[in-house]
Amino acid sequence: MSSFFFITRYLYKRLRFLGNKLLSHFLTLVFVALWHGIAPGFFLCFIGEFVIIVMDQQLRETKNYKPIRKRPFCPIHTEAIK
């Protein structure tokens, strides 16, 4: 089992009880940063990733948003997201 599947299945999906996807995602990224070590670079990287996720969600909520492709091509990770 890879770390991606472990974190998706046992951490992110179990935080659903919070009722907030962004909070679940943020706590998952904090866990991943702690997993990698307490260096400030990891926290900055994962906080930057969280900011990008929030901006992407806000962009998708606008009326004029038109995706380039319907679905990203990533056959490896699509099974874990379902």
PDB file of N, CA and C in Angstrom:
ATOM      1  N   MET A   1       0.848  -1.171   0.000  1.00  0.00           N
ATOM      2  CA  MET A   1       0.000   0.000   0.000  1.00  0.00           C
ATOM      3  C   MET A   1       0.895   1.235   0.000  1.00  0.00           C
ATOM      4  N   SER A   2       0.618   2.136  -0.903  1.00  0.00           N
ATOM      5  CA  SER A   2       1.416   3.353  -0.977  1.00  0.00           C
ATOM      6  C   SER A   2       0.917   4.365   0.048  1.00  0.00           C
ATOM      7  N   SER A   3       1.732   5.372   0.297  1.00  0.00           N
ATOM      8  CA  SER A   3       1.350   6.383   1.282  1.00  0.00           C
ATOM      9  C   SER A   3       0.134   7.183   0.813  1.00  0.00           C
ATOM     10  N   PHE A   4      -0.005   7.386  -0.500  1.00  0.00           N
ATOM     11  CA  PHE A   4      -1.172   8.105  -1.027  1.00  0.00           C
ATOM     12  C   PHE A   4      -2.465   7.378  -0.670  1.00  0.00           C
ATOM     13  N   PHE A   5      -2.513   6.070  -0.915  1.00  0.00           N
ATOM     14  CA  PHE A   5      -3.712   5.300  -0.611  1.00  0.00           C
ATOM     15  C   PHE A   5      -3.959   5.246   0.894  1.00  0.00           C
ATOM     16  N   PHE A   6      -2.891   5.124   1.684  1.00  0.00           N
ATOM     17  CA  PHE A   6      -3.029   5.082   3.137  1.00  0.00           C
ATOM     18  C   PHE A   6      -3.641   6.377   3.669  1.00  0.00           C
ATOM     19  N   ILE A   7      -3.087   7.501   3.233  1.00  0.00           N
ATOM     20  CA  ILE A   7      -3.565   8.795   3.718  1.00  0.00           C
ATOM     21  C   ILE A   7      -4.992   9.060   3.232  1.00  0.00           C
ATOM     22  N   THR A   8      -5.284   8.687   1.989  1.00  0.00           N
ATOM     23  CA  THR A   8      -6.633   8.890   1.463  1.00  0.00           C
ATOM     24  C   THR A   8      -7.652   8.057   2.220  1.00  0.00           C
ATOM     25  N   ARG A   9      -7.359   6.792   2.411  1.00  0.00           N
ATOM     26  CA  ARG A   9      -8.322   5.880   3.011  1.00  0.00           C
ATOM     27  C   ARG A   9      -8.449   6.055   4.527  1.00  0.00           C
ATOM     28  N   TYR A  10      -7.327   6.152   5.218  1.00  0.00           N
ATOM     29  CA  TYR A  10      -7.363   6.112   6.675  1.00  0.00           C
ATOM     30  C   TYR A  10      -7.343   7.480   7.353  1.00  0.00           C
ATOM     31  N   LEU A  11      -7.062   8.524   6.624  1.00  0.00           N
ATOM     32  CA  LEU A  11      -7.046   9.836   7.262  1.00  0.00           C
ATOM     33  C   LEU A  11      -8.088  10.767   6.642  1.00  0.00           C
ATOM     34  N   TYR A  12      -7.946  11.060   5.361  1.00  0.00           N
ATOM     35  CA  TYR A  12      -8.843  12.027   4.713  1.00  0.00           C
ATOM     36  C   TYR A  12     -10.302  11.573   4.765  1.00  0.00           C
ATOM     37  N   LYS A  13     -10.577  10.330   4.394  1.00  0.00           N
ATOM     38  CA  LYS A  13     -11.959   9.858   4.369  1.00  0.00           C
ATOM     39  C   LYS A  13     -12.533   9.697   5.770  1.00  0.00           C
ATOM     40  N   ARG A  14     -11.689   9.473   6.764  1.00  0.00           N
ATOM     41  CA  ARG A  14     -12.189   9.332   8.131  1.00  0.00           C
ATOM     42  C   ARG A  14     -12.462  10.674   8.786  1.00  0.00           C
ATOM     43  N   LEU A  15     -11.975  11.755   8.195  1.00  0.00           N
ATOM     44  CA  LEU A  15     -12.248  13.080   8.729  1.00  0.00           C
ATOM     45  C   LEU A  15     -13.543  13.666   8.179  1.00  0.00           C
ATOM     46  N   ARG A  16     -14.333  12.858   7.484  1.00  0.00           N
ATOM     47  CA  ARG A  16     -15.604  13.326   6.933  1.00  0.00           C
ATOM     48  C   ARG A  16     -16.573  13.766   8.024  1.00  0.00           C
ATOM     49  N   PHE A  17     -16.424  13.216   9.215  1.00  0.00           N
ATOM     50  CA  PHE A  17     -17.358  13.554  10.288  1.00  0.00           C
ATOM     51  C   PHE A  17     -17.291  15.042  10.653  1.00  0.00           C
ATOM     52  N   LEU A  18     -16.225  15.721  10.265  1.00  0.00           N
ATOM     53  CA  LEU A  18     -16.109  17.146  10.539  1.00  0.00           C
ATOM     54  C   LEU A  18     -17.111  17.956   9.725  1.00  0.00           C
ATOM     55  N   GLY A  19     -17.568  17.400   8.609  1.00  0.00           N
ATOM     56  CA  GLY A  19     -18.563  18.065   7.781  1.00  0.00           C
ATOM     57  C   GLY A  19     -18.002  19.175   6.905  1.00  0.00           C
ATOM     58  N   ASN A  20     -16.693  19.246   6.769  1.00  0.00           N
ATOM     59  CA  ASN A  20     -16.072  20.300   5.975  1.00  0.00           C
ATOM     60  C   ASN A  20     -14.905  19.697   5.205  1.00  0.00           C
ATOM     61  N   LYS A  21     -15.018  19.679   3.881  1.00  0.00           N
ATOM     62  CA  LYS A  21     -13.957  19.086   3.059  1.00  0.00           C
ATOM     63  C   LYS A  21     -12.637  19.846   3.176  1.00  0.00           C
ATOM     64  N   LEU A  22     -12.731  21.181   3.230  1.00  0.00           N
ATOM     65  CA  LEU A  22     -11.498  21.966   3.318  1.00  0.00           C
ATOM     66  C   LEU A  22     -10.761  21.715   4.623  1.00  0.00           C
ATOM     67  N   LEU A  23     -11.497  21.608   5.715  1.00  0.00           N
ATOM     68  CA  LEU A  23     -10.858  21.320   6.995  1.00  0.00           C
ATOM     69  C   LEU A  23     -10.238  19.930   6.984  1.00  0.00           C
ATOM     70  N   SER A  24     -10.932  18.960   6.406  1.00  0.00           N
ATOM     71  CA  SER A  24     -10.380  17.607   6.289  1.00  0.00           C
ATOM     72  C   SER A  24      -9.102  17.618   5.454  1.00  0.00           C
ATOM     73  N   HIS A  25      -9.135  18.358   4.363  1.00  0.00           N
ATOM     74  CA  HIS A  25      -7.966  18.437   3.498  1.00  0.00           C
ATOM     75  C   HIS A  25      -6.799  19.121   4.213  1.00  0.00           C
ATOM     76  N   PHE A  26      -7.092  20.211   4.934  1.00  0.00           N
ATOM     77  CA  PHE A  26      -6.052  20.938   5.653  1.00  0.00           C
ATOM     78  C   PHE A  26      -5.410  20.058   6.728  1.00  0.00           C
ATOM     79  N   LEU A  27      -6.227  19.351   7.501  1.00  0.00           N
ATOM     80  CA  LEU A  27      -5.675  18.475   8.545  1.00  0.00           C
ATOM     81  C   LEU A  27      -4.870  17.330   7.943  1.00  0.00           C
ATOM     82  N   THR A  28      -5.293  16.834   6.805  1.00  0.00           N
ATOM     83  CA  THR A  28      -4.524  15.797   6.125  1.00  0.00           C
ATOM     84  C   THR A  28      -3.168  16.329   5.682  1.00  0.00           C
ATOM     85  N   LEU A  29      -3.134  17.546   5.146  1.00  0.00           N
ATOM     86  CA  LEU A  29      -1.863  18.134   4.726  1.00  0.00           C
ATOM     87  C   LEU A  29      -0.956  18.431   5.915  1.00  0.00           C
ATOM     88  N   VAL A  30      -1.519  18.823   7.042  1.00  0.00           N
ATOM     89  CA  VAL A  30      -0.711  19.031   8.251  1.00  0.00           C
ATOM     90  C   VAL A  30      -0.101  17.709   8.696  1.00  0.00           C
ATOM     91  N   PHE A  31      -0.888  16.630   8.644  1.00  0.00           N
ATOM     92  CA  PHE A  31      -0.360  15.317   8.993  1.00  0.00           C
ATOM     93  C   PHE A  31       0.780  14.913   8.061  1.00  0.00           C
ATOM     94  N   VAL A  32       0.606  15.155   6.775  1.00  0.00           N
ATOM     95  CA  VAL A  32       1.654  14.798   5.803  1.00  0.00           C
ATOM     96  C   VAL A  32       2.917  15.618   6.062  1.00  0.00           C
ATOM     97  N   ALA A  33       2.750  16.888   6.406  1.00  0.00           N
ATOM     98  CA  ALA A  33       3.913  17.727   6.710  1.00  0.00           C
ATOM     99  C   ALA A  33       4.635  17.210   7.953  1.00  0.00           C
ATOM    100  N   LEU A  34       3.877  16.820   8.966  1.00  0.00           N
ATOM    101  CA  LEU A  34       4.505  16.248  10.166  1.00  0.00           C
ATOM    102  C   LEU A  34       5.168  14.906   9.863  1.00  0.00           C
ATOM    103  N   TRP A  35       4.559  14.139   8.985  1.00  0.00           N
ATOM    104  CA  TRP A  35       5.101  12.843   8.590  1.00  0.00           C
ATOM    105  C   TRP A  35       6.489  13.012   7.947  1.00  0.00           C
ATOM    106  N   HIS A  36       6.631  14.055   7.138  1.00  0.00           N
ATOM    107  CA  HIS A  36       7.891  14.284   6.443  1.00  0.00           C
ATOM    108  C   HIS A  36       8.952  14.915   7.331  1.00  0.00           C
ATOM    109  N   GLY A  37       8.558  15.552   8.385  1.00  0.00           N
ATOM    110  CA  GLY A  37       9.513  16.171   9.293  1.00  0.00           C
ATOM    111  C   GLY A  37       9.061  17.560   9.684  1.00  0.00           C
ATOM    112  N   ILE A  38       9.737  18.124  10.665  1.00  0.00           N
ATOM    113  CA  ILE A  38       9.309  19.403  11.222  1.00  0.00           C
ATOM    114  C   ILE A  38      10.017  20.570  10.537  1.00  0.00           C
ATOM    115  N   ALA A  39      10.642  20.339   9.419  1.00  0.00           N
ATOM    116  CA  ALA A  39      11.310  21.422   8.693  1.00  0.00           C
ATOM    117  C   ALA A  39      10.270  22.413   8.172  1.00  0.00           C
ATOM    118  N   PRO A  40      10.574  23.716   8.229  1.00  0.00           N
ATOM    119  CA  PRO A  40       9.596  24.720   7.789  1.00  0.00           C
ATOM    120  C   PRO A  40       9.239  24.617   6.309  1.00  0.00           C
ATOM    121  N   GLY A  41      10.134  24.094   5.495  1.00  0.00           N
ATOM    122  CA  GLY A  41       9.868  23.973   4.064  1.00  0.00           C
ATOM    123  C   GLY A  41       8.689  23.076   3.762  1.00  0.00           C
ATOM    124  N   PHE A  42       8.530  22.005   4.530  1.00  0.00           N
ATOM    125  CA  PHE A  42       7.398  21.100   4.315  1.00  0.00           C
ATOM    126  C   PHE A  42       6.083  21.801   4.616  1.00  0.00           C
ATOM    127  N   PHE A  43       6.045  22.538   5.724  1.00  0.00           N
ATOM    128  CA  PHE A  43       4.813  23.242   6.074  1.00  0.00           C
ATOM    129  C   PHE A  43       4.485  24.313   5.044  1.00  0.00           C
ATOM    130  N   LEU A  44       5.489  25.034   4.569  1.00  0.00           N
ATOM    131  CA  LEU A  44       5.250  26.052   3.541  1.00  0.00           C
ATOM    132  C   LEU A  44       4.738  25.423   2.252  1.00  0.00           C
ATOM    133  N   CYS A  45       5.307  24.294   1.889  1.00  0.00           N
ATOM    134  CA  CYS A  45       4.884  23.596   0.667  1.00  0.00           C
ATOM    135  C   CYS A  45       3.432  23.161   0.771  1.00  0.00           C
ATOM    136  N   PHE A  46       3.068  22.535   1.872  1.00  0.00           N
ATOM    137  CA  PHE A  46       1.717  22.015   2.002  1.00  0.00           C
ATOM    138  C   PHE A  46       0.701  23.123   2.253  1.00  0.00           C
ATOM    139  N   ILE A  47       1.089  24.211   2.901  1.00  0.00           N
ATOM    140  CA  ILE A  47       0.185  25.349   3.035  1.00  0.00           C
ATOM    141  C   ILE A  47      -0.040  25.988   1.668  1.00  0.00           C
ATOM    142  N   GLY A  48       1.027  26.061   0.856  1.00  0.00           N
ATOM    143  CA  GLY A  48       0.873  26.559  -0.517  1.00  0.00           C
ATOM    144  C   GLY A  48      -0.061  25.683  -1.327  1.00  0.00           C
ATOM    145  N   GLU A  49       0.035  24.378  -1.141  1.00  0.00           N
ATOM    146  CA  GLU A  49      -0.870  23.459  -1.846  1.00  0.00           C
ATOM    147  C   GLU A  49      -2.310  23.694  -1.414  1.00  0.00           C
ATOM    148  N   PHE A  50      -2.531  23.926  -0.127  1.00  0.00           N
ATOM    149  CA  PHE A  50      -3.879  24.180   0.368  1.00  0.00           C
ATOM    150  C   PHE A  50      -4.441  25.477  -0.221  1.00  0.00           C
ATOM    151  N   VAL A  51      -3.612  26.508  -0.318  1.00  0.00           N
ATOM    152  CA  VAL A  51      -4.050  27.781  -0.906  1.00  0.00           C
ATOM    153  C   VAL A  51      -4.447  27.573  -2.366  1.00  0.00           C
ATOM    154  N   ILE A  52      -3.681  26.783  -3.090  1.00  0.00           N
ATOM    155  CA  ILE A  52      -4.006  26.500  -4.496  1.00  0.00           C
ATOM    156  C   ILE A  52      -5.328  25.744  -4.601  1.00  0.00           C
ATOM    157  N   ILE A  53      -5.572  24.803  -3.693  1.00  0.00           N
ATOM    158  CA  ILE A  53      -6.830  24.054  -3.705  1.00  0.00           C
ATOM    159  C   ILE A  53      -8.011  24.988  -3.464  1.00  0.00           C
ATOM    160  N   VAL A  54      -7.871  25.894  -2.500  1.00  0.00           N
ATOM    161  CA  VAL A  54      -8.956  26.850  -2.210  1.00  0.00           C
ATOM    162  C   VAL A  54      -9.205  27.752  -3.412  1.00  0.00           C
ATOM    163  N   MET A  55      -8.132  28.243  -4.029  1.00  0.00           N
ATOM    164  CA  MET A  55      -8.286  29.105  -5.204  1.00  0.00           C
ATOM    165  C   MET A  55      -8.940  28.349  -6.354  1.00  0.00           C
ATOM    166  N   ASP A  56      -8.585  27.086  -6.538  1.00  0.00           N
ATOM    167  CA  ASP A  56      -9.177  26.279  -7.595  1.00  0.00           C
ATOM    168  C   ASP A  56     -10.674  26.098  -7.360  1.00  0.00           C
ATOM    169  N   GLN A  57     -11.066  25.840  -6.120  1.00  0.00           N
ATOM    170  CA  GLN A  57     -12.486  25.681  -5.825  1.00  0.00           C
ATOM    171  C   GLN A  57     -13.259  26.975  -6.058  1.00  0.00           C
ATOM    172  N   GLN A  58     -12.656  28.102  -5.704  1.00  0.00           N
ATOM    173  CA  GLN A  58     -13.320  29.379  -5.941  1.00  0.00           C
ATOM    174  C   GLN A  58     -13.447  29.664  -7.431  1.00  0.00           C
ATOM    175  N   LEU A  59     -12.448  29.293  -8.210  1.00  0.00           N
ATOM    176  CA  LEU A  59     -12.505  29.477  -9.655  1.00  0.00           C
ATOM    177  C   LEU A  59     -13.594  28.612 -10.269  1.00  0.00           C
ATOM    178  N   ARG A  60     -13.715  27.389  -9.797  1.00  0.00           N
ATOM    179  CA  ARG A  60     -14.734  26.483 -10.334  1.00  0.00           C
ATOM    180  C   ARG A  60     -16.146  26.936 -10.019  1.00  0.00           C
ATOM    181  N   GLU A  61     -16.327  27.730  -8.975  1.00  0.00           N
ATOM    182  CA  GLU A  61     -17.656  28.215  -8.606  1.00  0.00           C
ATOM    183  C   GLU A  61     -18.111  29.408  -9.447  1.00  0.00           C
ATOM    184  N   THR A  62     -17.219  30.006 -10.212  1.00  0.00           N
ATOM    185  CA  THR A  62     -17.606  31.146 -11.044  1.00  0.00           C
ATOM    186  C   THR A  62     -18.430  30.668 -12.230  1.00  0.00           C
ATOM    187  N   LYS A  63     -19.216  31.558 -12.801  1.00  0.00           N
ATOM    188  CA  LYS A  63     -20.087  31.189 -13.915  1.00  0.00           C
ATOM    189  C   LYS A  63     -19.307  30.924 -15.203  1.00  0.00           C
ATOM    190  N   ASN A  64     -18.242  31.648 -15.423  1.00  0.00           N
ATOM    191  CA  ASN A  64     -17.538  31.579 -16.703  1.00  0.00           C
ATOM    192  C   ASN A  64     -16.463  30.505 -16.756  1.00  0.00           C
ATOM    193  N   TYR A  65     -16.395  29.643 -15.753  1.00  0.00           N
ATOM    194  CA  TYR A  65     -15.352  28.616 -15.733  1.00  0.00           C
ATOM    195  C   TYR A  65     -15.663  27.526 -16.752  1.00  0.00           C
ATOM    196  N   LYS A  66     -14.712  27.281 -17.641  1.00  0.00           N
ATOM    197  CA  LYS A  66     -14.832  26.202 -18.614  1.00  0.00           C
ATOM    198  C   LYS A  66     -13.569  25.351 -18.517  1.00  0.00           C
ATOM    199  N   PRO A  67     -13.705  24.103 -18.098  1.00  0.00           N
ATOM    200  CA  PRO A  67     -12.508  23.262 -17.971  1.00  0.00           C
ATOM    201  C   PRO A  67     -11.907  22.953 -19.337  1.00  0.00           C
ATOM    202  N   ILE A  68     -10.602  22.810 -19.352  1.00  0.00           N
ATOM    203  CA  ILE A  68      -9.909  22.474 -20.594  1.00  0.00           C
ATOM    204  C   ILE A  68     -10.259  21.049 -21.001  1.00  0.00           C
ATOM    205  N   ARG A  69     -10.214  20.134 -20.024  1.00  0.00           N
ATOM    206  CA  ARG A  69     -10.589  18.746 -20.263  1.00  0.00           C
ATOM    207  C   ARG A  69     -11.675  18.355 -19.274  1.00  0.00           C
ATOM    208  N   LYS A  70     -12.461  17.398 -19.657  1.00  0.00           N
ATOM    209  CA  LYS A  70     -13.527  16.933 -18.771  1.00  0.00           C
ATOM    210  C   LYS A  70     -12.956  16.252 -17.537  1.00  0.00           C
ATOM    211  N   ARG A  71     -11.958  15.392 -17.732  1.00  0.00           N
ATOM    212  CA  ARG A  71     -11.414  14.603 -16.646  1.00  0.00           C
ATOM    213  C   ARG A  71      -9.907  14.489 -16.848  1.00  0.00           C
ATOM    214  N   PRO A  72      -9.109  14.706 -15.811  1.00  0.00           N
ATOM    215  CA  PRO A  72      -7.656  14.559 -15.982  1.00  0.00           C
ATOM    216  C   PRO A  72      -7.289  13.098 -16.202  1.00  0.00           C
ATOM    217  N   PHE A  73      -6.282  12.884 -17.010  1.00  0.00           N
ATOM    218  CA  PHE A  73      -5.836  11.518 -17.287  1.00  0.00           C
ATOM    219  C   PHE A  73      -4.832  11.102 -16.232  1.00  0.00           C
ATOM    220  N   CYS A  74      -5.278  10.293 -15.301  1.00  0.00           N
ATOM    221  CA  CYS A  74      -4.396   9.754 -14.275  1.00  0.00           C
ATOM    222  C   CYS A  74      -4.965   8.412 -13.827  1.00  0.00           C
ATOM    223  N   PRO A  75      -4.695   7.336 -14.574  1.00  0.00           N
ATOM    224  CA  PRO A  75      -5.334   6.054 -14.276  1.00  0.00           C
ATOM    225  C   PRO A  75      -4.905   5.455 -12.943  1.00  0.00           C
ATOM    226  N   ILE A  76      -3.784   5.871 -12.409  1.00  0.00           N
ATOM    227  CA  ILE A  76      -3.297   5.292 -11.164  1.00  0.00           C
ATOM    228  C   ILE A  76      -4.099   5.794  -9.971  1.00  0.00           C
ATOM    229  N   HIS A  77      -4.359   7.097  -9.923  1.00  0.00           N
ATOM    230  CA  HIS A  77      -4.972   7.681  -8.742  1.00  0.00           C
ATOM    231  C   HIS A  77      -6.489   7.763  -8.795  1.00  0.00           C
ATOM    232  N   THR A  78      -7.109   7.436  -9.897  1.00  0.00           N
ATOM    233  CA  THR A  78      -8.561   7.555  -9.972  1.00  0.00           C
ATOM    234  C   THR A  78      -9.261   6.524  -9.107  1.00  0.00           C
ATOM    235  N   GLU A  79      -8.641   5.381  -8.859  1.00  0.00           N
ATOM    236  CA  GLU A  79      -9.269   4.350  -8.050  1.00  0.00           C
ATOM    237  C   GLU A  79      -9.343   4.753  -6.583  1.00  0.00           C
ATOM    238  N   ALA A  80      -8.361   5.505  -6.099  1.00  0.00           N
ATOM    239  CA  ALA A  80      -8.335   5.879  -4.682  1.00  0.00           C
ATOM    240  C   ALA A  80      -9.343   6.965  -4.366  1.00  0.00           C
ATOM    241  N   ILE A  81      -9.718   7.766  -5.338  1.00  0.00           N
ATOM    242  CA  ILE A  81     -10.594   8.899  -5.094  1.00  0.00           C
ATOM    243  C   ILE A  81     -12.053   8.456  -4.998  1.00  0.00           C
ATOM    244  N   LYS A  82     -12.408   7.356  -5.644  1.00  0.00           N
ATOM    245  CA  LYS A  82     -13.802   6.884  -5.670  1.00  0.00           C
ATOM    246  C   LYS A  82     -14.327   6.554  -4.295  1.00  0.00           C
TER     247      LYS A  82
END
